[in-house]
Amino acid sequence: MRFWPKKKWKKALLATFLILLAVFAVIAGVLEYSVYREISAPLEILNSQSTKTALVIYHPGLTSFAYDVTYNFSSGLASVGWRVEISTASPQAPTNISKYSLLVLCWPIYDFSPGPTITSQIHRIGNLNDIKTVIVAVGGGMDPFNSVGSMNKIVQNANGTIIKTLTAFRSNDNLNMNMEGSKITF
């Protein structure tokens, strides 16, 4: 029995299917790489005059949504007196967190789980030493497999103390995200 059919229409159909399969595989590979690659960016500081310091680590994602949510939340923290240091989840991000009073982790939900960039950053840091942590999950519209719960467990297993968990979905009104940042108190 031969794999390649003898009839022209079957050959054309099979060839079309194989070409579409190859194109889909290439597109999926590019998207997978784009979603999960670590992007290094210089450390940015908001409100450098404050004594309380928060470290915000985020993964930018494929669109500007995660960036916008991260910076909106960070602006809320800065507006109420926090010094905010912002970095992308990468080997260049700070791993010595002893000088920070607050850790904020923001990432887009892809493949129904916390992204490997943000979890890799937690592993690079190691022991979170009971640092107060805010988790901000960004997504298209829902979290069907509870990736936020998975991230909570990852942070708790790294000895972090979660004080707030937030979600920002494109389908929701997220204009109040900077107000959430301004509500973080001890």
C-alpha atoms as a PDB file:
ATOM      1  CA  MET A   1       0.000   0.000   0.000  1.00  0.00           C
ATOM      2  CA  ARG A   2       1.359   3.376  -1.000  1.00  0.00           C
ATOM      3  CA  PHE A   3       1.064   6.587   0.955  1.00  0.00           C
ATOM      4  CA  TRP A   4       0.823   8.910  -2.038  1.00  0.00           C
ATOM      5  CA  PRO A   5      -2.514   8.539  -3.865  1.00  0.00           C
ATOM      6  CA  LYS A   6      -2.765   7.841  -7.604  1.00  0.00           C
ATOM      7  CA  LYS A   7      -5.671  10.138  -8.446  1.00  0.00           C
ATOM      8  CA  LYS A   8      -4.886  13.809  -9.189  1.00  0.00           C
ATOM      9  CA  TRP A   9      -7.563  15.272  -6.941  1.00  0.00           C
ATOM     10  CA  LYS A  10      -6.394  13.148  -4.013  1.00  0.00           C
ATOM     11  CA  LYS A  11      -2.796  14.206  -4.645  1.00  0.00           C
ATOM     12  CA  ALA A  12      -3.845  17.859  -4.706  1.00  0.00           C
ATOM     13  CA  LEU A  13      -5.907  17.462  -1.564  1.00  0.00           C
ATOM     14  CA  LEU A  14      -3.108  15.681   0.299  1.00  0.00           C
ATOM     15  CA  ALA A  15      -0.490  18.195  -0.915  1.00  0.00           C
ATOM     16  CA  THR A  16      -2.713  21.095   0.209  1.00  0.00           C
ATOM     17  CA  PHE A  17      -3.237  19.473   3.593  1.00  0.00           C
ATOM     18  CA  LEU A  18       0.504  18.909   4.085  1.00  0.00           C
ATOM     19  CA  ILE A  19       1.322  22.486   3.071  1.00  0.00           C
ATOM     20  CA  LEU A  20      -1.307  23.886   5.463  1.00  0.00           C
ATOM     21  CA  LEU A  21       0.008  21.638   8.223  1.00  0.00           C
ATOM     22  CA  ALA A  22       3.570  22.901   7.638  1.00  0.00           C
ATOM     23  CA  VAL A  23       2.414  26.557   7.584  1.00  0.00           C
ATOM     24  CA  PHE A  24       0.445  26.025  10.793  1.00  0.00           C
ATOM     25  CA  ALA A  25       3.480  24.427  12.470  1.00  0.00           C
ATOM     26  CA  VAL A  26       5.702  27.383  11.511  1.00  0.00           C
ATOM     27  CA  ILE A  27       3.146  29.944  12.710  1.00  0.00           C
ATOM     28  CA  ALA A  28       2.628  28.038  15.980  1.00  0.00           C
ATOM     29  CA  GLY A  29       6.401  27.880  16.509  1.00  0.00           C
ATOM     30  CA  VAL A  30       6.835  31.616  15.916  1.00  0.00           C
ATOM     31  CA  LEU A  31       3.958  32.454  18.259  1.00  0.00           C
ATOM     32  CA  GLU A  32       5.260  30.083  20.935  1.00  0.00           C
ATOM     33  CA  TYR A  33       8.709  31.668  20.726  1.00  0.00           C
ATOM     34  CA  SER A  34       7.233  35.184  20.748  1.00  0.00           C
ATOM     35  CA  VAL A  35       5.049  34.466  23.759  1.00  0.00           C
ATOM     36  CA  TYR A  36       7.679  32.831  25.939  1.00  0.00           C
ATOM     37  CA  ARG A  37      10.950  34.535  25.093  1.00  0.00           C
ATOM     38  CA  GLU A  38      12.545  36.603  27.803  1.00  0.00           C
ATOM     39  CA  ILE A  39      12.767  40.262  26.891  1.00  0.00           C
ATOM     40  CA  SER A  40      15.411  42.288  28.687  1.00  0.00           C
ATOM     41  CA  ALA A  41      14.675  45.919  29.419  1.00  0.00           C
ATOM     42  CA  PRO A  42      16.530  48.403  31.601  1.00  0.00           C
ATOM     43  CA  LEU A  43      15.288  48.878  35.149  1.00  0.00           C
ATOM     44  CA  GLU A  44      12.888  51.830  35.325  1.00  0.00           C
ATOM     45  CA  ILE A  45      12.239  53.784  38.500  1.00  0.00           C
ATOM     46  CA  LEU A  46       9.091  55.709  39.390  1.00  0.00           C
ATOM     47  CA  ASN A  47       9.109  58.090  42.378  1.00  0.00           C
ATOM     48  CA  SER A  48      12.777  57.701  43.274  1.00  0.00           C
ATOM     49  CA  GLN A  49      12.426  59.809  46.437  1.00  0.00           C
ATOM     50  CA  SER A  50      10.418  57.354  48.563  1.00  0.00           C
ATOM     51  CA  THR A  51      11.738  55.052  51.273  1.00  0.00           C
ATOM     52  CA  LYS A  52       9.259  52.191  50.647  1.00  0.00           C
ATOM     53  CA  THR A  53      10.433  50.281  47.577  1.00  0.00           C
ATOM     54  CA  ALA A  54       8.440  47.919  45.372  1.00  0.00           C
ATOM     55  CA  LEU A  55       9.897  45.682  42.691  1.00  0.00           C
ATOM     56  CA  VAL A  56       7.541  45.134  39.765  1.00  0.00           C
ATOM     57  CA  ILE A  57       8.454  42.285  37.439  1.00  0.00           C
ATOM     58  CA  TYR A  58       6.371  41.707  34.334  1.00  0.00           C
ATOM     59  CA  HIS A  59       6.319  39.838  31.049  1.00  0.00           C
ATOM     60  CA  PRO A  60       5.330  42.144  28.170  1.00  0.00           C
ATOM     61  CA  GLY A  61       3.395  39.592  26.093  1.00  0.00           C
ATOM     62  CA  LEU A  62       2.406  39.928  22.453  1.00  0.00           C
ATOM     63  CA  THR A  63       0.419  43.151  22.797  1.00  0.00           C
ATOM     64  CA  SER A  64       0.806  46.298  24.880  1.00  0.00           C
ATOM     65  CA  PHE A  65      -1.943  45.197  27.287  1.00  0.00           C
ATOM     66  CA  ALA A  66       0.368  43.656  29.927  1.00  0.00           C
ATOM     67  CA  TYR A  67       2.702  46.663  29.699  1.00  0.00           C
ATOM     68  CA  ASP A  68      -0.223  49.077  30.065  1.00  0.00           C
ATOM     69  CA  VAL A  69      -1.665  47.236  33.074  1.00  0.00           C
ATOM     70  CA  THR A  70       1.775  46.972  34.715  1.00  0.00           C
ATOM     71  CA  TYR A  71       2.566  50.647  34.311  1.00  0.00           C
ATOM     72  CA  ASN A  72      -0.910  51.720  35.352  1.00  0.00           C
ATOM     73  CA  PHE A  73      -0.645  49.654  38.548  1.00  0.00           C
ATOM     74  CA  SER A  74       2.908  50.918  39.146  1.00  0.00           C
ATOM     75  CA  SER A  75       1.770  54.532  38.718  1.00  0.00           C
ATOM     76  CA  GLY A  76      -0.851  53.916  41.392  1.00  0.00           C
ATOM     77  CA  LEU A  77       1.844  52.686  43.762  1.00  0.00           C
ATOM     78  CA  ALA A  78       4.094  55.659  42.969  1.00  0.00           C
ATOM     79  CA  SER A  79       1.227  58.113  43.459  1.00  0.00           C
ATOM     80  CA  VAL A  80       0.850  57.064  47.100  1.00  0.00           C
ATOM     81  CA  GLY A  81       4.531  57.273  47.950  1.00  0.00           C
ATOM     82  CA  TRP A  82       6.147  54.037  46.799  1.00  0.00           C
ATOM     83  CA  ARG A  83       9.476  53.989  45.022  1.00  0.00           C
ATOM     84  CA  VAL A  84       8.727  51.561  42.178  1.00  0.00           C
ATOM     85  CA  GLU A  85      11.429  49.702  40.277  1.00  0.00           C
ATOM     86  CA  ILE A  86      10.087  48.023  37.132  1.00  0.00           C
ATOM     87  CA  SER A  87      11.820  45.252  35.211  1.00  0.00           C
ATOM     88  CA  THR A  88      10.923  42.571  32.726  1.00  0.00           C
ATOM     89  CA  ALA A  89      11.224  38.931  33.756  1.00  0.00           C
ATOM     90  CA  SER A  90      14.725  38.131  32.481  1.00  0.00           C
ATOM     91  CA  PRO A  91      18.193  37.237  33.760  1.00  0.00           C
ATOM     92  CA  GLN A  92      18.920  40.999  33.979  1.00  0.00           C
ATOM     93  CA  ALA A  93      16.091  41.594  36.484  1.00  0.00           C
ATOM     94  CA  PRO A  94      17.042  41.957  40.155  1.00  0.00           C
ATOM     95  CA  THR A  95      17.290  38.672  42.051  1.00  0.00           C
ATOM     96  CA  ASN A  96      18.399  40.062  45.408  1.00  0.00           C
ATOM     97  CA  ILE A  97      15.079  41.240  46.787  1.00  0.00           C
ATOM     98  CA  SER A  98      16.225  42.057  50.333  1.00  0.00           C
ATOM     99  CA  LYS A  99      15.880  45.837  49.798  1.00  0.00           C
ATOM    100  CA  TYR A 100      12.250  45.613  48.622  1.00  0.00           C
ATOM    101  CA  SER A 101       9.128  45.796  50.781  1.00  0.00           C
ATOM    102  CA  LEU A 102       6.808  44.618  48.017  1.00  0.00           C
ATOM    103  CA  LEU A 103       7.059  42.348  44.979  1.00  0.00           C
ATOM    104  CA  VAL A 104       4.539  42.688  42.146  1.00  0.00           C
ATOM    105  CA  LEU A 105       4.371  39.985  39.471  1.00  0.00           C
ATOM    106  CA  CYS A 106       2.432  40.750  36.298  1.00  0.00           C
ATOM    107  CA  TRP A 107       2.137  38.422  33.343  1.00  0.00           C
ATOM    108  CA  PRO A 108      -0.245  37.580  30.510  1.00  0.00           C
ATOM    109  CA  ILE A 109      -1.994  34.220  30.647  1.00  0.00           C
ATOM    110  CA  TYR A 110      -1.033  32.033  27.693  1.00  0.00           C
ATOM    111  CA  ASP A 111      -1.698  28.311  27.387  1.00  0.00           C
ATOM    112  CA  PHE A 112      -3.880  28.490  30.522  1.00  0.00           C
ATOM    113  CA  SER A 113      -0.952  28.717  32.929  1.00  0.00           C
ATOM    114  CA  PRO A 114       1.562  31.156  34.400  1.00  0.00           C
ATOM    115  CA  GLY A 115       4.154  31.935  31.752  1.00  0.00           C
ATOM    116  CA  PRO A 116       7.551  30.300  32.034  1.00  0.00           C
ATOM    117  CA  THR A 117       9.265  33.706  31.978  1.00  0.00           C
ATOM    118  CA  ILE A 118       7.650  34.797  35.228  1.00  0.00           C
ATOM    119  CA  THR A 119       8.068  31.403  36.905  1.00  0.00           C
ATOM    120  CA  SER A 120      11.724  31.299  35.788  1.00  0.00           C
ATOM    121  CA  GLN A 121      12.216  34.687  37.425  1.00  0.00           C
ATOM    122  CA  ILE A 122      10.834  33.355  40.702  1.00  0.00           C
ATOM    123  CA  HIS A 123      13.233  30.400  40.465  1.00  0.00           C
ATOM    124  CA  ARG A 124      16.145  32.786  39.792  1.00  0.00           C
ATOM    125  CA  ILE A 125      15.224  34.750  42.917  1.00  0.00           C
ATOM    126  CA  GLY A 126      14.869  31.555  44.954  1.00  0.00           C
ATOM    127  CA  ASN A 127      13.560  32.103  48.460  1.00  0.00           C
ATOM    128  CA  LEU A 128      11.204  35.090  48.535  1.00  0.00           C
ATOM    129  CA  ASN A 129      11.798  35.423  52.308  1.00  0.00           C
ATOM    130  CA  ASP A 130       8.166  36.223  53.142  1.00  0.00           C
ATOM    131  CA  ILE A 131       8.152  39.319  50.926  1.00  0.00           C
ATOM    132  CA  LYS A 132       4.669  40.728  50.503  1.00  0.00           C
ATOM    133  CA  THR A 133       3.609  39.873  46.951  1.00  0.00           C
ATOM    134  CA  VAL A 134       0.898  41.133  44.618  1.00  0.00           C
ATOM    135  CA  ILE A 135      -0.032  38.967  41.656  1.00  0.00           C
ATOM    136  CA  VAL A 136      -1.536  40.604  38.567  1.00  0.00           C
ATOM    137  CA  ALA A 137      -2.678  38.220  35.835  1.00  0.00           C
ATOM    138  CA  VAL A 138      -3.514  39.701  32.446  1.00  0.00           C
ATOM    139  CA  GLY A 139      -5.652  37.862  29.922  1.00  0.00           C
ATOM    140  CA  GLY A 140      -8.046  37.956  27.035  1.00  0.00           C
ATOM    141  CA  GLY A 141     -11.187  37.313  28.986  1.00  0.00           C
ATOM    142  CA  MET A 142     -11.104  34.396  31.406  1.00  0.00           C
ATOM    143  CA  ASP A 143      -8.894  32.046  33.371  1.00  0.00           C
ATOM    144  CA  PRO A 144     -10.544  28.661  32.785  1.00  0.00           C
ATOM    145  CA  PHE A 145      -7.813  26.530  34.352  1.00  0.00           C
ATOM    146  CA  ASN A 146      -7.032  28.887  37.256  1.00  0.00           C
ATOM    147  CA  SER A 147      -3.546  29.977  36.286  1.00  0.00           C
ATOM    148  CA  VAL A 148      -3.809  32.614  39.014  1.00  0.00           C
ATOM    149  CA  GLY A 149      -4.238  29.824  41.572  1.00  0.00           C
ATOM    150  CA  SER A 150      -1.206  28.067  40.079  1.00  0.00           C
ATOM    151  CA  MET A 151       0.848  31.242  40.425  1.00  0.00           C
ATOM    152  CA  ASN A 152      -0.332  31.651  44.019  1.00  0.00           C
ATOM    153  CA  LYS A 153       1.021  28.169  44.781  1.00  0.00           C
ATOM    154  CA  ILE A 154       4.339  28.919  43.033  1.00  0.00           C
ATOM    155  CA  VAL A 155       4.796  32.111  45.076  1.00  0.00           C
ATOM    156  CA  GLN A 156       3.806  30.386  48.324  1.00  0.00           C
ATOM    157  CA  ASN A 157       6.191  27.486  47.585  1.00  0.00           C
ATOM    158  CA  ALA A 158       8.960  30.074  47.131  1.00  0.00           C
ATOM    159  CA  ASN A 159       8.119  31.433  50.615  1.00  0.00           C
ATOM    160  CA  GLY A 160       6.300  34.564  49.419  1.00  0.00           C
ATOM    161  CA  THR A 161       3.345  36.144  51.213  1.00  0.00           C
ATOM    162  CA  ILE A 162       0.505  36.994  48.846  1.00  0.00           C
ATOM    163  CA  ILE A 163      -1.353  40.103  49.950  1.00  0.00           C
ATOM    164  CA  LYS A 164      -3.421  40.683  46.819  1.00  0.00           C
ATOM    165  CA  THR A 165      -4.304  38.838  43.630  1.00  0.00           C
ATOM    166  CA  LEU A 166      -5.727  40.801  40.720  1.00  0.00           C
ATOM    167  CA  THR A 167      -6.858  39.957  37.225  1.00  0.00           C
ATOM    168  CA  ALA A 168      -7.060  42.326  34.300  1.00  0.00           C
ATOM    169  CA  PHE A 169      -8.965  40.916  31.352  1.00  0.00           C
ATOM    170  CA  ARG A 170      -9.511  42.702  28.071  1.00  0.00           C
ATOM    171  CA  SER A 171     -13.207  42.007  28.475  1.00  0.00           C
ATOM    172  CA  ASN A 172     -13.322  43.965  31.762  1.00  0.00           C
ATOM    173  CA  ASP A 173     -13.090  47.628  32.592  1.00  0.00           C
ATOM    174  CA  ASN A 174      -9.500  47.970  33.855  1.00  0.00           C
ATOM    175  CA  LEU A 175      -9.390  51.739  34.253  1.00  0.00           C
ATOM    176  CA  ASN A 176      -9.228  51.356  38.031  1.00  0.00           C
ATOM    177  CA  MET A 177      -6.033  49.254  38.011  1.00  0.00           C
ATOM    178  CA  ASN A 178      -3.916  52.194  39.203  1.00  0.00           C
ATOM    179  CA  MET A 179      -6.372  52.634  42.060  1.00  0.00           C
ATOM    180  CA  GLU A 180      -5.643  49.030  43.064  1.00  0.00           C
ATOM    181  CA  GLY A 181      -1.952  49.952  43.187  1.00  0.00           C
ATOM    182  CA  SER A 182      -2.724  52.884  45.445  1.00  0.00           C
ATOM    183  CA  LYS A 183      -4.666  50.628  47.874  1.00  0.00           C
ATOM    184  CA  ILE A 184      -1.649  48.474  48.809  1.00  0.00           C
ATOM    185  CA  THR A 185      -1.025  49.152  52.495  1.00  0.00           C
ATOM    186  CA  PHE A 186       0.611  47.406  55.440  1.00  0.00           C
END
